[in-house]
């Protein structure tokens, strides 16, 4: 099972989690779809770290006490070397830190923030937990894409906060940007021209998970209670689809091209 490159470099997506209204149901759903295994940890409020084999892949938590009601979503975290300094840069460049930085004893430090378009994201400083540890197999994170109506501003924001590059994709100038750490493209920012400037749109980070067969994965998800947001289609990067799980969290799946 291919290992992710660890430790995750500054500005690289490193972890995904959700706070589920029904944790047991979410664990069963994603275990069935992706083969994840793991149990709630009572020492961390019931937070469950899910694995593929022995390698961590994502977290599913119950809703924490005294938390205001909110839609169930996947939360994306970026690796940082100095969370206090990075959190300061978030505010300096037009974002908002609304949780932390806080220490997770024996594990790391986290913060939650929003970018200038309102899309939420997390910061994670490993100490020592690095985040997800596997890539390139069924059920592993494969790509991360911000859907927003302020693409250019967000590209500048993430580049400045993390000290990375965010060039526009030549094939989609003004519509798609690539967050790039060193020579590695780690995430994308997509601005739909049809929603540009629309206040009713809801900017959010959308994770992609690799699957061996997109069409079979869509059928399996629907049979388990999910709904289809975007039908399966081919792209230069593989066959992909977007789904909404039974509790409302949206995510995409992709089967990379053969070879």
Protein backbone atom coordinates (compact mmCIF):
# COMPACT_ATOMS: atom_id res chain seq x y z
CA UNK A 1 0.00 0.00 0.00
CA UNK A 2 1.76 3.24 -1.13
CA UNK A 3 2.84 5.55 1.66
CA UNK A 4 2.14 9.27 1.57
CA UNK A 5 5.29 11.41 1.62
CA UNK A 6 5.85 12.27 5.28
CA UNK A 7 6.09 14.60 6.98
CA UNK A 8 3.61 16.64 4.96
CA UNK A 9 5.29 19.82 3.76
CA UNK A 10 4.10 23.30 4.75
CA UNK A 11 0.99 24.17 2.74
CA UNK A 12 0.18 20.57 1.81
CA UNK A 13 -3.26 19.09 2.58
CA UNK A 14 -2.58 16.61 5.37
CA UNK A 15 -5.86 15.49 6.98
CA UNK A 16 -9.61 15.21 6.50
CA UNK A 17 -12.28 14.80 9.12
CA UNK A 18 -15.97 15.31 9.75
CA UNK A 19 -18.24 15.89 12.73
CA UNK A 20 -21.15 13.59 11.98
CA UNK A 21 -24.65 13.91 13.39
CA UNK A 22 -24.70 10.10 13.57
CA UNK A 23 -21.13 8.89 13.98
CA UNK A 24 -22.02 5.19 13.95
CA UNK A 25 -23.86 5.58 10.66
CA UNK A 26 -20.98 7.55 9.13
CA UNK A 27 -18.44 4.94 10.22
CA UNK A 28 -20.56 2.21 8.66
CA UNK A 29 -21.10 4.15 5.43
CA UNK A 30 -17.45 5.03 4.78
CA UNK A 31 -16.25 1.66 5.98
CA UNK A 32 -18.52 0.07 3.41
CA UNK A 33 -17.52 2.43 0.61
CA UNK A 34 -13.77 2.69 1.17
CA UNK A 35 -12.79 -0.14 3.50
CA UNK A 36 -11.85 2.19 6.36
CA UNK A 37 -11.58 0.69 9.83
CA UNK A 38 -11.37 2.30 13.25
CA UNK A 39 -13.20 2.86 16.51
CA UNK A 40 -14.16 5.94 18.57
CA UNK A 41 -11.51 6.96 21.12
CA UNK A 42 -13.12 7.97 24.41
CA UNK A 43 -9.96 9.87 25.44
CA UNK A 44 -10.59 12.30 22.57
CA UNK A 45 -14.34 12.78 22.89
CA UNK A 46 -15.15 9.77 20.76
CA UNK A 47 -13.05 10.93 17.79
CA UNK A 48 -12.30 7.97 15.50
CA UNK A 49 -9.15 7.83 13.40
CA UNK A 50 -9.90 5.62 10.40
CA UNK A 51 -7.27 3.58 8.63
CA UNK A 52 -6.60 1.59 5.49
CA UNK A 53 -4.70 -1.36 6.81
CA UNK A 54 -2.48 0.17 9.48
CA UNK A 55 -2.24 3.60 7.84
CA UNK A 56 -4.36 6.56 8.97
CA UNK A 57 -6.59 8.05 6.29
CA UNK A 58 -9.32 10.27 7.86
CA UNK A 59 -11.23 11.07 11.04
CA UNK A 60 -14.92 10.88 11.92
CA UNK A 61 -16.12 12.44 15.16
CA UNK A 62 -19.46 12.85 16.87
CA UNK A 63 -20.66 16.43 17.15
CA UNK A 64 -18.91 17.93 20.15
CA UNK A 65 -20.98 19.19 23.11
CA UNK A 66 -22.14 22.83 23.02
CA UNK A 67 -21.47 23.04 19.28
CA UNK A 68 -23.88 25.16 17.26
CA UNK A 69 -25.83 23.15 14.66
CA UNK A 70 -24.14 23.16 11.26
CA UNK A 71 -24.26 21.07 8.08
CA UNK A 72 -22.13 17.93 8.06
CA UNK A 73 -19.08 18.54 5.86
CA UNK A 74 -15.61 17.20 5.25
CA UNK A 75 -12.97 19.45 6.85
CA UNK A 76 -9.61 19.86 5.12
CA UNK A 77 -6.44 20.61 7.10
CA UNK A 78 -3.17 22.01 5.77
CA UNK A 79 0.19 21.12 7.29
CA UNK A 80 2.09 24.02 8.83
CA UNK A 81 5.45 24.28 10.56
CA UNK A 82 4.48 27.07 12.98
CA UNK A 83 0.75 27.24 13.61
CA UNK A 84 0.83 30.47 15.63
CA UNK A 85 2.72 32.31 12.90
CA UNK A 86 0.48 30.88 10.18
CA UNK A 87 -2.69 31.81 12.06
CA UNK A 88 -1.41 35.37 12.28
CA UNK A 89 -0.88 35.41 8.51
CA UNK A 90 -4.46 34.20 7.96
CA UNK A 91 -5.79 37.38 9.58
CA UNK A 92 -3.21 39.58 7.91
CA UNK A 93 -4.29 38.41 4.45
CA UNK A 94 -8.04 38.71 4.86
CA UNK A 95 -9.03 35.42 6.43
CA UNK A 96 -10.49 34.72 9.87
CA UNK A 97 -9.30 32.30 12.56
CA UNK A 98 -12.31 31.17 14.58
CA UNK A 99 -10.85 28.28 16.61
CA UNK A 100 -7.40 28.00 18.16
CA UNK A 101 -4.59 27.49 17.80
CA UNK A 102 -5.22 24.71 20.32
CA UNK A 103 -3.10 21.80 21.42
CA UNK A 104 -4.29 18.22 21.00
CA UNK A 105 -2.25 16.50 23.73
CA UNK A 106 0.38 14.15 22.41
CA UNK A 107 -0.82 14.61 18.83
CA UNK A 108 -0.36 18.14 17.48
CA UNK A 109 -1.83 21.61 17.31
CA UNK A 110 -4.86 22.71 15.30
CA UNK A 111 -6.78 25.79 14.26
CA UNK A 112 -9.89 26.37 12.16
CA UNK A 113 -10.14 29.34 9.86
CA UNK A 114 -11.99 30.75 6.87
CA UNK A 115 -10.46 32.20 3.73
CA UNK A 116 -11.61 35.54 2.25
CA UNK A 117 -14.45 33.85 0.36
CA UNK A 118 -15.76 32.19 3.53
CA UNK A 119 -14.54 28.64 2.85
CA UNK A 120 -13.51 26.89 6.05
CA UNK A 121 -10.21 25.04 6.42
CA UNK A 122 -7.96 23.79 9.17
CA UNK A 123 -4.31 24.17 10.09
CA UNK A 124 -2.37 21.27 11.58
CA UNK A 125 1.07 21.26 13.18
CA UNK A 126 2.18 17.68 13.69
CA UNK A 127 3.45 16.73 17.14
CA UNK A 128 3.88 13.91 16.23
CA UNK A 129 0.74 12.83 14.28
CA UNK A 130 1.41 13.75 10.63
CA UNK A 131 -2.04 13.27 9.12
CA UNK A 132 -3.03 10.78 6.46
CA UNK A 133 -0.37 8.23 5.68
CA UNK A 134 -1.47 6.52 2.49
CA UNK A 135 -2.09 7.49 -1.12
CA UNK A 136 -2.70 5.89 -4.49
CA UNK A 137 -5.18 3.18 -3.44
CA UNK A 138 -8.95 2.71 -3.20
CA UNK A 139 -10.29 4.87 -0.37
CA UNK A 140 -7.25 7.14 -0.04
CA UNK A 141 -7.41 10.93 -0.48
CA UNK A 142 -6.49 11.78 -4.06
CA UNK A 143 -7.09 15.52 -4.62
CA UNK A 144 -8.52 18.60 -2.91
CA UNK A 145 -10.44 21.36 -4.68
CA UNK A 146 -11.78 24.67 -3.44
CA UNK A 147 -15.04 25.62 -5.13
CA UNK A 148 -15.41 29.38 -4.80
CA UNK A 149 -16.62 32.54 -6.48
CA UNK A 150 -13.39 34.41 -5.60
CA UNK A 151 -10.76 32.21 -7.22
CA UNK A 152 -8.07 34.78 -7.84
CA UNK A 153 -8.31 36.30 -4.38
CA UNK A 154 -8.25 32.87 -2.75
CA UNK A 155 -5.23 31.78 -4.79
CA UNK A 156 -3.35 34.86 -3.59
CA UNK A 157 -4.50 34.21 -0.01
CA UNK A 158 -3.32 30.60 0.24
CA UNK A 159 -0.05 31.39 -1.53
CA UNK A 160 0.69 34.21 0.92
CA UNK A 161 -0.39 32.32 4.05
CA UNK A 162 1.61 29.18 3.29
CA UNK A 163 4.50 30.69 1.34
CA UNK A 164 3.78 28.61 -1.76
CA UNK A 165 2.92 29.23 -5.42
CA UNK A 166 -0.58 29.35 -6.93
CA UNK A 167 -0.29 29.68 -10.72
CA UNK A 168 -3.34 29.60 -12.94
CA UNK A 169 -3.90 26.46 -15.00
CA UNK A 170 -2.96 27.43 -18.56
CA UNK A 171 -5.93 25.52 -19.99
CA UNK A 172 -8.34 27.38 -17.68
CA UNK A 173 -6.96 30.90 -17.20
CA UNK A 174 -8.95 32.88 -14.66
CA UNK A 175 -10.96 29.81 -13.69
CA UNK A 176 -8.53 27.34 -12.09
CA UNK A 177 -5.43 27.77 -9.94
CA UNK A 178 -3.00 25.13 -8.65
CA UNK A 179 -1.56 25.34 -5.15
CA UNK A 180 2.01 24.21 -5.68
CA UNK A 181 4.54 23.23 -3.02
CA UNK A 182 7.97 23.10 -4.57
CA UNK A 183 7.36 21.23 -7.82
CA UNK A 184 4.28 19.37 -6.54
CA UNK A 185 0.70 20.40 -7.30
CA UNK A 186 -1.17 19.70 -4.05
CA UNK A 187 -4.64 21.23 -4.49
CA UNK A 188 -6.80 23.23 -6.89
CA UNK A 189 -8.98 26.32 -6.73
CA UNK A 190 -11.90 26.38 -9.12
CA UNK A 191 -14.09 29.37 -9.89
CA UNK A 192 -17.25 28.53 -11.78
CA UNK A 193 -17.88 31.41 -14.21
CA UNK A 194 -21.63 30.92 -13.75
CA UNK A 195 -21.38 31.72 -10.03
CA UNK A 196 -18.73 34.43 -10.13
CA UNK A 197 -19.61 37.01 -7.52
CA UNK A 198 -22.85 35.26 -6.60
CA UNK A 199 -23.47 35.80 -2.87
CA UNK A 200 -25.75 32.76 -2.69
CA UNK A 201 -22.93 30.32 -3.53
CA UNK A 202 -21.27 28.47 -0.66
CA UNK A 203 -17.49 28.25 -1.05
CA UNK A 204 -16.07 25.00 0.31
CA UNK A 205 -13.16 22.58 0.02
CA UNK A 206 -14.17 19.36 -1.72
CA UNK A 207 -12.07 16.20 -1.20
CA UNK A 208 -11.57 13.55 -3.86
CA UNK A 209 -11.08 9.91 -2.87
CA UNK A 210 -9.53 7.37 -5.21
CA UNK A 211 -11.67 4.40 -6.22
CA UNK A 212 -10.97 1.43 -8.44
CA UNK A 213 -14.19 1.85 -10.47
CA UNK A 214 -16.09 5.15 -10.39
CA UNK A 215 -19.34 3.79 -11.79
CA UNK A 216 -19.38 0.87 -9.39
CA UNK A 217 -18.57 3.23 -6.50
CA UNK A 218 -21.45 5.53 -7.44
CA UNK A 219 -23.85 2.58 -7.53
CA UNK A 220 -22.60 1.33 -4.16
CA UNK A 221 -22.93 4.78 -2.58
CA UNK A 222 -26.48 5.27 -3.86
CA UNK A 223 -27.45 1.81 -2.59
CA UNK A 224 -26.11 2.88 0.83
CA UNK A 225 -28.24 6.04 0.91
CA UNK A 226 -26.07 8.64 -0.84
CA UNK A 227 -27.21 10.88 -3.67
CA UNK A 228 -25.46 11.96 -6.84
CA UNK A 229 -24.47 15.62 -7.11
CA UNK A 230 -22.54 15.32 -10.40
CA UNK A 231 -22.90 12.25 -12.61
CA UNK A 232 -19.84 10.20 -13.48
CA UNK A 233 -17.83 11.60 -16.38
CA UNK A 234 -14.43 11.26 -17.96
CA UNK A 235 -11.75 13.92 -17.61
CA UNK A 236 -8.05 14.16 -18.52
CA UNK A 237 -7.32 13.19 -14.91
CA UNK A 238 -9.62 10.17 -14.69
CA UNK A 239 -13.28 9.26 -14.38
CA UNK A 240 -14.93 11.23 -11.61
CA UNK A 241 -18.24 11.89 -9.89
CA UNK A 242 -19.49 13.96 -6.97
CA UNK A 243 -21.68 12.50 -4.23
CA UNK A 244 -23.56 13.57 -1.11
CA UNK A 245 -23.42 11.06 1.73
CA UNK A 246 -26.55 10.14 3.75
CA UNK A 247 -25.85 12.92 6.27
CA UNK A 248 -25.24 15.60 3.65
CA UNK A 249 -21.45 15.74 3.37
CA UNK A 250 -20.30 16.16 -0.22
CA UNK A 251 -17.20 14.54 -1.68
CA UNK A 252 -15.89 13.41 -5.04
CA UNK A 253 -14.46 10.12 -6.23
CA UNK A 254 -12.02 9.51 -9.05
CA UNK A 255 -10.48 6.58 -10.87
CA UNK A 256 -7.13 7.68 -12.33
CA UNK A 257 -6.37 6.80 -15.96
CA UNK A 258 -4.95 3.33 -16.48
CA UNK A 259 -1.18 3.22 -16.62
